[in-house]
Protein backbone atom coordinates (compact mmCIF):
# COMPACT_ATOMS: atom_id res chain seq x y z
CA UNK A 1 -32.47 -0.66 41.07
CA UNK A 2 -30.93 2.44 42.20
CA UNK A 3 -27.24 3.68 41.92
CA UNK A 4 -24.51 2.43 44.07
CA UNK A 5 -23.12 5.92 46.30
CA UNK A 6 -20.78 5.61 49.07
CA UNK A 7 -23.68 6.27 51.58
CA UNK A 8 -25.89 3.57 50.01
CA UNK A 9 -28.43 3.07 47.13
CA UNK A 10 -29.76 6.33 45.97
CA UNK A 11 -33.53 6.24 46.15
CA UNK A 12 -33.67 9.80 43.93
CA UNK A 13 -31.48 11.22 41.58
CA UNK A 14 -31.49 14.95 39.87
CA UNK A 15 -29.19 15.99 36.81
CA UNK A 16 -27.61 19.49 37.88
CA UNK A 17 -26.05 19.62 34.64
CA UNK A 18 -24.00 17.24 32.47
CA UNK A 19 -21.71 15.75 34.43
CA UNK A 20 -23.23 16.85 37.86
CA UNK A 21 -25.54 14.31 39.81
CA UNK A 22 -26.86 14.59 43.34
CA UNK A 23 -28.26 11.78 44.69
CA UNK A 24 -30.49 10.68 47.58
CA UNK A 25 -30.60 7.81 49.63
CA UNK A 26 -32.46 6.92 53.10
CA UNK A 27 -30.28 8.41 55.21
CA UNK A 28 -27.97 10.65 53.37
CA UNK A 29 -26.82 11.93 50.03
CA UNK A 30 -24.78 14.30 47.94
CA UNK A 31 -22.91 15.07 44.13
CA UNK A 32 -21.03 13.05 42.22
CA UNK A 33 -18.87 14.90 39.28
CA UNK A 34 -17.66 12.75 36.07
CA UNK A 35 -14.42 12.60 35.38
CA UNK A 36 -14.76 15.62 32.94
CA UNK A 37 -16.63 17.86 35.66
CA UNK A 38 -13.57 16.58 38.30
CA UNK A 39 -11.15 18.08 35.89
CA UNK A 40 -12.83 21.25 35.63
CA UNK A 41 -12.53 21.49 39.64
CA UNK A 42 -9.92 23.95 41.23
CA UNK A 43 -7.40 21.63 42.65
CA UNK A 44 -7.83 23.07 46.09
CA UNK A 45 -11.70 21.88 46.17
CA UNK A 46 -11.32 18.74 44.41
CA UNK A 47 -11.72 15.23 45.98
CA UNK A 48 -9.96 12.10 44.28
CA UNK A 49 -13.25 9.91 44.18
CA UNK A 50 -15.57 12.42 42.68
CA UNK A 51 -18.01 12.15 45.37
CA UNK A 52 -18.97 15.54 47.32
CA UNK A 53 -20.94 14.71 50.49
CA UNK A 54 -24.03 16.63 51.18
CA UNK A 55 -23.77 18.30 54.08
CA UNK A 56 -20.02 19.89 54.19
CA UNK A 57 -18.40 18.79 50.92
CA UNK A 58 -21.14 20.04 48.18
CA UNK A 59 -20.15 23.76 48.95
CA UNK A 60 -16.95 22.92 47.10
CA UNK A 61 -18.85 21.29 44.15
CA UNK A 62 -20.98 24.62 44.41
CA UNK A 63 -17.69 26.93 44.46
CA UNK A 64 -16.12 25.13 41.97
CA UNK A 65 -18.22 25.10 39.09
CA UNK A 66 -20.53 28.35 40.26
CA UNK A 67 -22.16 28.67 36.71
CA UNK A 68 -24.55 25.49 38.01
CA UNK A 69 -25.29 27.08 41.20
CA UNK A 70 -26.99 30.23 41.98
CA UNK A 71 -24.84 33.09 44.12
CA UNK A 72 -27.18 32.34 46.69
CA UNK A 73 -26.80 28.62 47.29
CA UNK A 74 -22.72 29.17 47.02
CA UNK A 75 -22.86 31.69 49.61
CA UNK A 76 -25.10 29.91 52.52
CA UNK A 77 -23.87 26.53 51.87
CA UNK A 78 -19.75 27.50 51.78
CA UNK A 79 -20.65 30.11 54.89
CA UNK A 80 -22.33 27.34 56.66
CA UNK A 81 -20.36 24.36 56.41
CA UNK A 82 -16.73 25.20 55.04
CA UNK A 83 -16.09 28.86 56.11
CA UNK A 84 -12.55 28.06 54.95
CA UNK A 85 -13.30 27.58 51.68
CA UNK A 86 -14.99 31.08 51.46
CA UNK A 87 -12.11 33.12 52.90
CA UNK A 88 -10.15 30.33 50.86
CA UNK A 89 -11.47 30.64 47.36
CA UNK A 90 -13.59 34.05 47.10
């Protein structure tokens, strides 16, 4: 049985790094951070529940924990979905 996520039961998961998981469901998906990774996130980017939706909120994870994401992925995703994050965090 798959992991329960805010978007339904996951069909697929990928470990990005210790404490950073990406989940995909039939209709959606996103990232989940462990308590440790949540604590490492800058307060301005952190979501309380540790779940980061794949369309917009995953840019928070890429910007907050950049060592696990390529520079290209960070810039492209943040600029596309949350331009204000780029202006406020870089």
